Amino acid sequence: MNDDSFKKIESALYLKDSEAAEKLTPYENERRKRWVFCLSQKMDDPLISDKTLVEELEAGYAGLFSPVAKSTAYRDIAAVHKIIGNIRLASKNWYRYMIIEGAKKAYQIAEIKKDGKAMAAALDKIGKYTMADKPDNDFDWSQMIPLDIEPAADPDLLEDVEPIENIEQRRRELRALFKSNMNKDAIDVSIEE
């Protein structure tokens, strides 16, 4: 699929079916429906396998859209991954988020029931998964040792630098060139009071 077609479908992704039908060809609209289905499945269950989605796309998911070939289904899933990125890379963070949210709800329930032991357990989980019990990993600046650099005006010390013959003459030429450019570009400004 070319980039123009991808951008066209992506821009109409969340429109109502009637609005999308006005902007897209029938083929593009069918594809949009499959993408929306895959996106909603990924949002409901970020760890749903591509194989499961392919099977549902091949079957047409109860008439929601027309059944497609396996290769077309994999192309649709590739487009969906392009839109939302690979959620599996974030699965550890997803689980950490779910654990913390669950522990917050458990704390609220325990607080309502005035169950101190359950409150402490929920706070323990929150502390563990947010690493609140550990000190912040600040950079230890005392371990950073500056380089031992000795300034020198000798270009022979540098690699791939050729010495300039008659360097003082070259400096005078460059000063004169830059001074003439400055004078040429300078603008007189009068201060008004």
N, C-alpha and C. Protein backbone atom coordinates (compact mmCIF):
# COMPACT_ATOMS: atom_id res chain seq x y z
N MET A 1 0.85 -1.18 0.00
CA MET A 1 0.00 0.00 0.00
C MET A 1 0.89 1.23 0.00
N ASN A 2 0.54 2.19 -0.82
CA ASN A 2 1.35 3.41 -0.89
C ASN A 2 1.01 4.34 0.28
N ASP A 3 1.91 5.30 0.49
CA ASP A 3 1.76 6.22 1.62
C ASP A 3 0.52 7.09 1.52
N ASP A 4 0.16 7.51 0.32
CA ASP A 4 -1.02 8.37 0.15
C ASP A 4 -2.29 7.63 0.58
N SER A 5 -2.40 6.38 0.17
CA SER A 5 -3.58 5.58 0.53
C SER A 5 -3.61 5.35 2.04
N PHE A 6 -2.45 5.06 2.62
CA PHE A 6 -2.37 4.85 4.07
C PHE A 6 -2.82 6.11 4.81
N LYS A 7 -2.29 7.26 4.42
CA LYS A 7 -2.64 8.52 5.09
C LYS A 7 -4.12 8.85 4.92
N LYS A 8 -4.65 8.54 3.74
CA LYS A 8 -6.06 8.81 3.47
C LYS A 8 -6.95 7.99 4.39
N ILE A 9 -6.64 6.69 4.51
CA ILE A 9 -7.44 5.83 5.39
C ILE A 9 -7.24 6.22 6.85
N GLU A 10 -5.99 6.51 7.22
CA GLU A 10 -5.70 6.89 8.61
C GLU A 10 -6.45 8.16 9.01
N SER A 11 -6.57 9.12 8.09
CA SER A 11 -7.25 10.37 8.41
C SER A 11 -8.76 10.18 8.59
N ALA A 12 -9.30 9.11 7.99
CA ALA A 12 -10.75 8.85 8.11
C ALA A 12 -11.04 7.73 9.10
N LEU A 13 -10.05 7.32 9.86
CA LEU A 13 -10.16 6.15 10.72
C LEU A 13 -11.31 6.24 11.72
N TYR A 14 -11.46 7.37 12.38
CA TYR A 14 -12.44 7.48 13.45
C TYR A 14 -13.69 8.26 13.05
N LEU A 15 -13.88 8.43 11.77
CA LEU A 15 -15.11 9.09 11.30
C LEU A 15 -16.27 8.11 11.34
N LYS A 16 -17.49 8.65 11.33
CA LYS A 16 -18.67 7.79 11.21
C LYS A 16 -18.61 7.09 9.87
N ASP A 17 -19.26 5.94 9.77
CA ASP A 17 -19.23 5.18 8.52
C ASP A 17 -19.73 6.00 7.33
N SER A 18 -20.79 6.80 7.54
CA SER A 18 -21.33 7.60 6.44
C SER A 18 -20.33 8.67 5.98
N GLU A 19 -19.64 9.30 6.93
CA GLU A 19 -18.64 10.32 6.57
C GLU A 19 -17.43 9.69 5.90
N ALA A 20 -17.02 8.54 6.40
CA ALA A 20 -15.87 7.86 5.81
C ALA A 20 -16.18 7.40 4.39
N ALA A 21 -17.42 6.96 4.15
CA ALA A 21 -17.82 6.49 2.82
C ALA A 21 -17.75 7.62 1.80
N GLU A 22 -17.94 8.87 2.25
CA GLU A 22 -17.85 10.01 1.34
C GLU A 22 -16.41 10.31 0.95
N LYS A 23 -15.48 10.05 1.86
CA LYS A 23 -14.07 10.40 1.62
C LYS A 23 -13.28 9.27 0.98
N LEU A 24 -13.71 8.03 1.18
CA LEU A 24 -12.93 6.88 0.73
C LEU A 24 -13.66 6.09 -0.36
N THR A 25 -12.88 5.37 -1.13
CA THR A 25 -13.47 4.44 -2.10
C THR A 25 -14.05 3.26 -1.31
N PRO A 26 -14.94 2.47 -1.91
CA PRO A 26 -15.49 1.32 -1.19
C PRO A 26 -14.40 0.36 -0.68
N TYR A 27 -13.36 0.14 -1.49
CA TYR A 27 -12.26 -0.74 -1.08
C TYR A 27 -11.53 -0.16 0.13
N GLU A 28 -11.24 1.15 0.10
CA GLU A 28 -10.55 1.81 1.21
C GLU A 28 -11.42 1.80 2.46
N ASN A 29 -12.73 1.96 2.30
CA ASN A 29 -13.64 1.96 3.45
C ASN A 29 -13.68 0.58 4.11
N GLU A 30 -13.66 -0.48 3.29
CA GLU A 30 -13.61 -1.84 3.84
C GLU A 30 -12.33 -2.03 4.65
N ARG A 31 -11.26 -1.55 4.08
CA ARG A 31 -9.97 -1.65 4.77
C ARG A 31 -10.00 -0.86 6.07
N ARG A 32 -10.60 0.32 6.05
CA ARG A 32 -10.73 1.14 7.26
C ARG A 32 -11.49 0.39 8.35
N LYS A 33 -12.57 -0.30 7.98
CA LYS A 33 -13.36 -1.06 8.94
C LYS A 33 -12.51 -2.16 9.59
N ARG A 34 -11.68 -2.83 8.77
CA ARG A 34 -10.81 -3.87 9.32
C ARG A 34 -9.79 -3.28 10.28
N TRP A 35 -9.24 -2.12 9.92
CA TRP A 35 -8.26 -1.47 10.78
C TRP A 35 -8.88 -1.04 12.10
N VAL A 36 -10.08 -0.47 12.03
CA VAL A 36 -10.78 -0.03 13.25
C VAL A 36 -11.04 -1.24 14.15
N PHE A 37 -11.46 -2.35 13.54
CA PHE A 37 -11.68 -3.58 14.31
C PHE A 37 -10.40 -4.01 15.01
N CYS A 38 -9.28 -4.05 14.26
CA CYS A 38 -8.00 -4.46 14.85
C CYS A 38 -7.55 -3.51 15.95
N LEU A 39 -7.73 -2.21 15.72
CA LEU A 39 -7.35 -1.23 16.74
C LEU A 39 -8.16 -1.41 18.02
N SER A 40 -9.47 -1.63 17.87
CA SER A 40 -10.30 -1.81 19.07
C SER A 40 -9.92 -3.09 19.80
N GLN A 41 -9.58 -4.15 19.06
CA GLN A 41 -9.14 -5.39 19.69
C GLN A 41 -7.82 -5.18 20.44
N LYS A 42 -6.90 -4.43 19.83
CA LYS A 42 -5.61 -4.13 20.47
C LYS A 42 -5.79 -3.27 21.71
N MET A 43 -6.74 -2.34 21.67
CA MET A 43 -6.97 -1.49 22.83
C MET A 43 -7.61 -2.28 23.98
N ASP A 44 -8.51 -3.22 23.64
CA ASP A 44 -9.14 -4.05 24.66
C ASP A 44 -8.15 -5.02 25.28
N ASP A 45 -7.30 -5.62 24.44
CA ASP A 45 -6.32 -6.60 24.91
C ASP A 45 -5.01 -6.35 24.18
N PRO A 46 -4.13 -5.53 24.75
CA PRO A 46 -2.89 -5.18 24.05
C PRO A 46 -2.01 -6.37 23.69
N LEU A 47 -2.20 -7.49 24.37
CA LEU A 47 -1.35 -8.65 24.10
C LEU A 47 -2.01 -9.68 23.20
N ILE A 48 -3.10 -9.30 22.54
CA ILE A 48 -3.77 -10.22 21.61
C ILE A 48 -2.78 -10.58 20.50
N SER A 49 -2.76 -11.83 20.12
CA SER A 49 -1.79 -12.27 19.12
C SER A 49 -2.23 -11.86 17.71
N ASP A 50 -1.24 -11.66 16.87
CA ASP A 50 -1.53 -11.33 15.47
C ASP A 50 -2.26 -12.49 14.81
N LYS A 51 -1.95 -13.72 15.20
CA LYS A 51 -2.59 -14.90 14.62
C LYS A 51 -4.10 -14.87 14.88
N THR A 52 -4.48 -14.49 16.09
CA THR A 52 -5.91 -14.40 16.43
C THR A 52 -6.59 -13.35 15.58
N LEU A 53 -5.94 -12.20 15.42
CA LEU A 53 -6.52 -11.14 14.59
C LEU A 53 -6.63 -11.58 13.14
N VAL A 54 -5.62 -12.29 12.65
CA VAL A 54 -5.66 -12.77 11.26
C VAL A 54 -6.84 -13.71 11.06
N GLU A 55 -7.04 -14.61 12.02
CA GLU A 55 -8.17 -15.55 11.92
C GLU A 55 -9.50 -14.81 11.90
N GLU A 56 -9.63 -13.78 12.73
CA GLU A 56 -10.88 -13.02 12.77
C GLU A 56 -11.07 -12.20 11.49
N LEU A 57 -9.98 -11.67 10.93
CA LEU A 57 -10.08 -10.93 9.67
C LEU A 57 -10.44 -11.86 8.53
N GLU A 58 -9.89 -13.07 8.54
CA GLU A 58 -10.21 -14.05 7.49
C GLU A 58 -11.68 -14.46 7.54
N ALA A 59 -12.24 -14.48 8.76
CA ALA A 59 -13.63 -14.91 8.93
C ALA A 59 -14.62 -13.76 8.69
N GLY A 60 -14.14 -12.52 8.70
CA GLY A 60 -15.04 -11.39 8.48
C GLY A 60 -15.72 -10.92 9.76
N TYR A 61 -15.38 -11.49 10.89
CA TYR A 61 -15.89 -11.13 12.21
C TYR A 61 -17.40 -10.86 12.18
N ALA A 62 -18.15 -11.89 11.98
CA ALA A 62 -19.62 -11.88 12.05
C ALA A 62 -20.25 -10.83 11.12
N GLY A 63 -19.67 -10.67 9.94
CA GLY A 63 -20.26 -9.77 8.95
C GLY A 63 -19.94 -8.31 9.14
N LEU A 64 -19.06 -7.96 10.07
CA LEU A 64 -18.68 -6.57 10.28
C LEU A 64 -17.97 -6.01 9.04
N PHE A 65 -17.23 -6.88 8.38
CA PHE A 65 -16.55 -6.53 7.14
C PHE A 65 -16.41 -7.80 6.31
N SER A 66 -16.01 -7.66 5.07
CA SER A 66 -15.88 -8.82 4.18
C SER A 66 -14.66 -9.64 4.58
N PRO A 67 -14.77 -10.98 4.53
CA PRO A 67 -13.60 -11.82 4.82
C PRO A 67 -12.48 -11.54 3.82
N VAL A 68 -11.23 -11.67 4.28
CA VAL A 68 -10.08 -11.39 3.43
C VAL A 68 -9.11 -12.56 3.45
N ALA A 69 -8.18 -12.56 2.51
CA ALA A 69 -7.14 -13.58 2.45
C ALA A 69 -6.13 -13.34 3.58
N LYS A 70 -5.38 -14.38 3.90
CA LYS A 70 -4.40 -14.30 4.99
C LYS A 70 -3.36 -13.21 4.72
N SER A 71 -2.90 -13.11 3.47
CA SER A 71 -1.89 -12.09 3.15
C SER A 71 -2.43 -10.67 3.35
N THR A 72 -3.69 -10.46 2.97
CA THR A 72 -4.33 -9.15 3.17
C THR A 72 -4.49 -8.86 4.65
N ALA A 73 -4.84 -9.89 5.42
CA ALA A 73 -4.99 -9.71 6.86
C ALA A 73 -3.66 -9.29 7.49
N TYR A 74 -2.57 -9.91 7.09
CA TYR A 74 -1.26 -9.54 7.63
C TYR A 74 -0.86 -8.12 7.20
N ARG A 75 -1.23 -7.72 5.99
CA ARG A 75 -0.95 -6.34 5.58
C ARG A 75 -1.75 -5.35 6.43
N ASP A 76 -3.00 -5.70 6.73
CA ASP A 76 -3.82 -4.83 7.59
C ASP A 76 -3.20 -4.72 8.99
N ILE A 77 -2.74 -5.83 9.51
CA ILE A 77 -2.13 -5.81 10.86
C ILE A 77 -0.84 -5.00 10.85
N ALA A 78 -0.07 -5.09 9.76
CA ALA A 78 1.14 -4.28 9.65
C ALA A 78 0.79 -2.79 9.67
N ALA A 79 -0.30 -2.42 9.00
CA ALA A 79 -0.74 -1.02 9.00
C ALA A 79 -1.17 -0.59 10.39
N VAL A 80 -1.86 -1.48 11.10
CA VAL A 80 -2.30 -1.16 12.47
C VAL A 80 -1.08 -0.97 13.38
N HIS A 81 -0.07 -1.83 13.23
CA HIS A 81 1.16 -1.66 14.01
C HIS A 81 1.84 -0.34 13.69
N LYS A 82 1.76 0.06 12.44
CA LYS A 82 2.35 1.34 12.03
C LYS A 82 1.63 2.50 12.72
N ILE A 83 0.33 2.34 12.92
CA ILE A 83 -0.46 3.41 13.55
C ILE A 83 -0.20 3.48 15.05
N ILE A 84 -0.27 2.34 15.72
CA ILE A 84 -0.17 2.37 17.19
C ILE A 84 1.17 1.92 17.73
N GLY A 85 2.05 1.43 16.89
CA GLY A 85 3.32 0.93 17.36
C GLY A 85 3.16 -0.47 17.90
N ASN A 86 4.24 -1.07 18.27
CA ASN A 86 4.19 -2.43 18.78
C ASN A 86 3.94 -2.39 20.27
N ILE A 87 2.74 -2.73 20.67
CA ILE A 87 2.35 -2.66 22.08
C ILE A 87 3.10 -3.67 22.92
N ARG A 88 3.53 -4.76 22.31
CA ARG A 88 4.23 -5.78 23.10
C ARG A 88 5.51 -5.24 23.71
N LEU A 89 6.12 -4.25 23.06
CA LEU A 89 7.32 -3.67 23.62
C LEU A 89 7.03 -2.97 24.94
N ALA A 90 5.80 -2.56 25.11
CA ALA A 90 5.41 -1.86 26.33
C ALA A 90 4.67 -2.76 27.30
N SER A 91 4.68 -4.08 27.08
CA SER A 91 3.87 -4.97 27.91
C SER A 91 4.28 -4.94 29.37
N LYS A 92 5.57 -4.85 29.66
CA LYS A 92 6.02 -4.80 31.05
C LYS A 92 5.47 -3.55 31.74
N ASN A 93 5.55 -2.43 31.04
CA ASN A 93 4.99 -1.20 31.61
C ASN A 93 3.48 -1.30 31.75
N TRP A 94 2.82 -2.00 30.82
CA TRP A 94 1.36 -2.18 30.90
C TRP A 94 1.01 -2.97 32.15
N TYR A 95 1.71 -4.07 32.38
CA TYR A 95 1.43 -4.87 33.58
C TYR A 95 1.73 -4.08 34.85
N ARG A 96 2.81 -3.33 34.84
CA ARG A 96 3.16 -2.51 36.00
C ARG A 96 2.03 -1.50 36.27
N TYR A 97 1.52 -0.89 35.21
CA TYR A 97 0.42 0.07 35.34
C TYR A 97 -0.82 -0.61 35.92
N MET A 98 -1.15 -1.82 35.38
CA MET A 98 -2.33 -2.53 35.87
C MET A 98 -2.18 -2.93 37.34
N ILE A 99 -0.99 -3.36 37.74
CA ILE A 99 -0.76 -3.75 39.13
C ILE A 99 -0.93 -2.54 40.04
N ILE A 100 -0.35 -1.42 39.64
CA ILE A 100 -0.45 -0.21 40.47
C ILE A 100 -1.89 0.26 40.56
N GLU A 101 -2.62 0.27 39.43
CA GLU A 101 -4.04 0.68 39.45
C GLU A 101 -4.87 -0.27 40.31
N GLY A 102 -4.60 -1.56 40.19
CA GLY A 102 -5.31 -2.54 41.01
C GLY A 102 -5.03 -2.35 42.49
N ALA A 103 -3.77 -2.05 42.80
CA ALA A 103 -3.40 -1.81 44.20
C ALA A 103 -4.07 -0.54 44.73
N LYS A 104 -4.22 0.48 43.88
CA LYS A 104 -4.92 1.70 44.31
C LYS A 104 -6.38 1.40 44.64
N LYS A 105 -7.02 0.61 43.77
CA LYS A 105 -8.42 0.25 44.02
C LYS A 105 -8.54 -0.60 45.28
N ALA A 106 -7.59 -1.53 45.46
CA ALA A 106 -7.60 -2.37 46.67
C ALA A 106 -7.44 -1.50 47.90
N TYR A 107 -6.60 -0.49 47.84
CA TYR A 107 -6.41 0.41 48.97
C TYR A 107 -7.71 1.17 49.28
N GLN A 108 -8.38 1.65 48.22
CA GLN A 108 -9.63 2.38 48.43
C GLN A 108 -10.69 1.49 49.09
N ILE A 109 -10.78 0.25 48.62
CA ILE A 109 -11.76 -0.68 49.21
C ILE A 109 -11.40 -0.97 50.66
N ALA A 110 -10.10 -1.19 50.90
CA ALA A 110 -9.66 -1.47 52.27
C ALA A 110 -9.90 -0.27 53.18
N GLU A 111 -9.74 0.91 52.65
CA GLU A 111 -9.96 2.12 53.45
C GLU A 111 -11.44 2.26 53.81
N ILE A 112 -12.32 1.94 52.85
CA ILE A 112 -13.76 2.02 53.11
C ILE A 112 -14.14 1.01 54.19
N LYS A 113 -13.56 -0.19 54.13
CA LYS A 113 -13.87 -1.25 55.10
C LYS A 113 -13.07 -1.09 56.40
N LYS A 114 -12.20 -0.11 56.43
CA LYS A 114 -11.35 0.16 57.59
C LYS A 114 -10.53 -1.08 57.97
N ASP A 115 -9.93 -1.71 56.94
CA ASP A 115 -9.10 -2.89 57.12
C ASP A 115 -7.64 -2.46 57.00
N GLY A 116 -7.00 -2.22 58.12
CA GLY A 116 -5.63 -1.72 58.15
C GLY A 116 -4.63 -2.67 57.50
N LYS A 117 -4.82 -3.95 57.72
CA LYS A 117 -3.90 -4.94 57.17
C LYS A 117 -3.95 -4.94 55.63
N ALA A 118 -5.14 -4.86 55.06
CA ALA A 118 -5.29 -4.82 53.61
C ALA A 118 -4.76 -3.50 53.05
N MET A 119 -4.95 -2.41 53.80
CA MET A 119 -4.42 -1.12 53.37
C MET A 119 -2.90 -1.18 53.29
N ALA A 120 -2.28 -1.76 54.32
CA ALA A 120 -0.82 -1.88 54.34
C ALA A 120 -0.33 -2.76 53.20
N ALA A 121 -1.05 -3.84 52.90
CA ALA A 121 -0.65 -4.73 51.80
C ALA A 121 -0.73 -4.00 50.46
N ALA A 122 -1.79 -3.22 50.27
CA ALA A 122 -1.94 -2.47 49.02
C ALA A 122 -0.84 -1.42 48.89
N LEU A 123 -0.54 -0.72 49.99
CA LEU A 123 0.53 0.27 49.95
C LEU A 123 1.88 -0.39 49.70
N ASP A 124 2.07 -1.60 50.25
CA ASP A 124 3.31 -2.33 50.02
C ASP A 124 3.47 -2.64 48.53
N LYS A 125 2.39 -3.07 47.88
CA LYS A 125 2.45 -3.36 46.44
C LYS A 125 2.75 -2.09 45.65
N ILE A 126 2.08 -1.00 45.99
CA ILE A 126 2.32 0.26 45.29
C ILE A 126 3.77 0.68 45.47
N GLY A 127 4.29 0.58 46.70
CA GLY A 127 5.68 0.94 46.96
C GLY A 127 6.65 0.06 46.19
N LYS A 128 6.34 -1.23 46.11
CA LYS A 128 7.22 -2.16 45.41
C LYS A 128 7.29 -1.85 43.92
N TYR A 129 6.14 -1.63 43.29
CA TYR A 129 6.12 -1.45 41.85
C TYR A 129 6.44 -0.03 41.40
N THR A 130 6.37 0.93 42.30
CA THR A 130 6.82 2.28 41.95
C THR A 130 8.25 2.51 42.43
N MET A 131 8.80 1.52 43.14
CA MET A 131 10.15 1.59 43.70
C MET A 131 10.31 2.80 44.61
N ALA A 132 9.25 3.12 45.32
CA ALA A 132 9.27 4.27 46.23
C ALA A 132 10.15 4.01 47.44
N ASP A 133 10.44 2.74 47.72
CA ASP A 133 11.26 2.41 48.88
C ASP A 133 12.76 2.50 48.57
N LYS A 134 13.12 2.74 47.33
CA LYS A 134 14.53 2.81 46.95
C LYS A 134 14.91 4.25 46.67
N PRO A 135 16.16 4.60 46.96
CA PRO A 135 16.58 5.98 46.68
C PRO A 135 16.63 6.21 45.17
N ASP A 136 16.45 7.46 44.81
CA ASP A 136 16.52 7.81 43.39
C ASP A 136 17.92 7.55 42.87
N ASN A 137 18.02 7.09 41.64
CA ASN A 137 19.31 6.79 41.05
C ASN A 137 19.91 8.05 40.44
N ASP A 138 20.35 8.94 41.31
CA ASP A 138 21.01 10.15 40.82
C ASP A 138 22.42 9.79 40.37
N PHE A 139 22.89 10.52 39.40
CA PHE A 139 24.23 10.27 38.88
C PHE A 139 25.25 10.67 39.93
N ASP A 140 26.22 9.82 40.15
CA ASP A 140 27.29 10.10 41.12
C ASP A 140 28.36 10.93 40.43
N TRP A 141 28.29 12.24 40.61
CA TRP A 141 29.20 13.15 39.93
C TRP A 141 30.64 13.00 40.42
N SER A 142 30.85 12.45 41.61
CA SER A 142 32.20 12.29 42.12
C SER A 142 32.99 11.26 41.31
N GLN A 143 32.28 10.37 40.61
CA GLN A 143 32.93 9.36 39.79
C GLN A 143 33.33 9.89 38.41
N MET A 144 32.84 11.08 38.08
CA MET A 144 33.14 11.64 36.77
C MET A 144 34.45 12.42 36.85
N ILE A 145 35.46 11.93 36.15
CA ILE A 145 36.78 12.54 36.17
C ILE A 145 36.99 13.27 34.85
N PRO A 146 37.30 14.59 34.92
CA PRO A 146 37.49 15.33 33.68
C PRO A 146 38.75 14.87 32.95
N LEU A 147 38.72 15.02 31.63
CA LEU A 147 39.89 14.66 30.83
C LEU A 147 41.06 15.60 31.15
N ASP A 148 42.24 15.05 31.08
CA ASP A 148 43.45 15.84 31.33
C ASP A 148 43.91 16.41 30.00
N ILE A 149 43.48 17.62 29.70
CA ILE A 149 43.79 18.25 28.43
C ILE A 149 44.71 19.43 28.67
N GLU A 150 45.79 19.49 27.88
CA GLU A 150 46.71 20.61 27.99
C GLU A 150 46.63 21.41 26.70
N PRO A 151 46.22 22.68 26.76
CA PRO A 151 46.10 23.47 25.54
C PRO A 151 47.46 23.68 24.88
N ALA A 152 47.45 23.67 23.55
CA ALA A 152 48.68 23.90 22.81
C ALA A 152 48.34 24.61 21.50
N ALA A 153 49.28 25.41 21.02
CA ALA A 153 49.09 26.11 19.75
C ALA A 153 49.80 25.38 18.62
N ASP A 154 50.33 24.22 18.88
CA ASP A 154 51.07 23.46 17.88
C ASP A 154 50.13 22.56 17.09
N PRO A 155 49.88 22.86 15.79
CA PRO A 155 48.96 22.04 15.00
C PRO A 155 49.50 20.64 14.72
N ASP A 156 50.78 20.43 14.92
CA ASP A 156 51.36 19.10 14.69
C ASP A 156 50.79 18.06 15.66
N LEU A 157 50.27 18.50 16.78
CA LEU A 157 49.70 17.59 17.77
C LEU A 157 48.35 17.03 17.32
N LEU A 158 47.67 17.75 16.42
CA LEU A 158 46.36 17.32 15.94
C LEU A 158 46.52 16.41 14.74
N GLU A 159 45.61 15.45 14.64
CA GLU A 159 45.64 14.56 13.49
C GLU A 159 44.95 15.21 12.30
N ASP A 160 45.41 14.93 11.12
CA ASP A 160 44.81 15.37 9.86
C ASP A 160 44.70 16.89 9.73
N VAL A 161 45.59 17.63 10.38
CA VAL A 161 45.61 19.08 10.24
C VAL A 161 46.98 19.47 9.70
N GLU A 162 46.95 20.15 8.58
CA GLU A 162 48.21 20.56 7.97
C GLU A 162 48.59 21.95 8.48
N PRO A 163 49.86 22.16 8.77
CA PRO A 163 50.28 23.49 9.25
C PRO A 163 50.16 24.53 8.13
N ILE A 164 49.86 25.76 8.52
CA ILE A 164 49.70 26.85 7.56
C ILE A 164 51.03 27.61 7.50
N GLU A 165 51.56 27.74 6.28
CA GLU A 165 52.80 28.49 6.09
C GLU A 165 52.51 29.97 6.30
N ASN A 166 53.40 30.65 6.93
CA ASN A 166 53.29 32.10 7.17
C ASN A 166 51.93 32.43 7.80
N ILE A 167 51.71 31.89 8.96
CA ILE A 167 50.40 32.00 9.64
C ILE A 167 50.06 33.44 10.02
N GLU A 168 51.04 34.23 10.37
CA GLU A 168 50.76 35.62 10.75
C GLU A 168 50.21 36.40 9.55
N GLN A 169 50.76 36.17 8.37
CA GLN A 169 50.28 36.83 7.16
C GLN A 169 48.83 36.41 6.89
N ARG A 170 48.51 35.13 7.07
CA ARG A 170 47.15 34.62 6.85
C ARG A 170 46.18 35.24 7.86
N ARG A 171 46.59 35.38 9.10
CA ARG A 171 45.74 36.01 10.12
C ARG A 171 45.40 37.46 9.74
N ARG A 172 46.43 38.20 9.27
CA ARG A 172 46.19 39.60 8.86
C ARG A 172 45.20 39.66 7.70
N GLU A 173 45.33 38.75 6.74
CA GLU A 173 44.41 38.72 5.60
C GLU A 173 42.98 38.43 6.04
N LEU A 174 42.82 37.47 6.94
CA LEU A 174 41.47 37.11 7.42
C LEU A 174 40.86 38.23 8.24
N ARG A 175 41.69 38.90 9.08
CA ARG A 175 41.17 40.04 9.86
C ARG A 175 40.69 41.15 8.92
N ALA A 176 41.47 41.44 7.91
CA ALA A 176 41.09 42.49 6.96
C ALA A 176 39.81 42.11 6.22
N LEU A 177 39.70 40.84 5.83
CA LEU A 177 38.49 40.38 5.13
C LEU A 177 37.26 40.52 6.02
N PHE A 178 37.33 40.04 7.24
CA PHE A 178 36.17 40.11 8.13
C PHE A 178 35.85 41.55 8.54
N LYS A 179 36.88 42.37 8.70
CA LYS A 179 36.65 43.76 9.06
C LYS A 179 35.95 44.49 7.92
N SER A 180 36.36 44.22 6.67
CA SER A 180 35.70 44.87 5.53
C SER A 180 34.26 44.39 5.40
N ASN A 181 34.00 43.11 5.67
CA ASN A 181 32.62 42.60 5.64
C ASN A 181 31.78 43.23 6.74
N MET A 182 32.38 43.42 7.91
CA MET A 182 31.64 44.05 9.01
C MET A 182 31.29 45.49 8.66
N ASN A 183 32.24 46.20 8.12
CA ASN A 183 32.00 47.60 7.77
C ASN A 183 30.97 47.71 6.66
N LYS A 184 31.00 46.77 5.72
CA LYS A 184 30.05 46.80 4.60
C LYS A 184 28.63 46.50 5.10
N ASP A 185 28.48 45.58 6.04
CA ASP A 185 27.16 45.16 6.54
C ASP A 185 26.67 46.02 7.70
N ALA A 186 27.48 46.88 8.23
CA ALA A 186 27.10 47.68 9.38
C ALA A 186 26.05 48.71 9.03
N ILE A 187 25.15 49.00 9.96
CA ILE A 187 24.07 49.97 9.77
C ILE A 187 24.16 50.98 10.90
N ASP A 188 24.11 52.26 10.56
CA ASP A 188 24.07 53.28 11.61
C ASP A 188 22.68 53.37 12.18
N VAL A 189 22.60 53.41 13.49
CA VAL A 189 21.32 53.49 14.17
C VAL A 189 21.33 54.73 15.05
N SER A 190 20.28 55.49 14.95
CA SER A 190 20.19 56.65 15.82
C SER A 190 19.16 56.35 16.92
N ILE A 191 19.48 56.74 18.11
CA ILE A 191 18.61 56.48 19.25
C ILE A 191 17.68 57.67 19.41
N GLU A 192 16.38 57.38 19.36
CA GLU A 192 15.37 58.43 19.52
C GLU A 192 14.90 58.43 20.96
N GLU A 193 14.77 59.65 21.48
CA GLU A 193 14.31 59.77 22.86
C GLU A 193 12.92 60.28 22.94
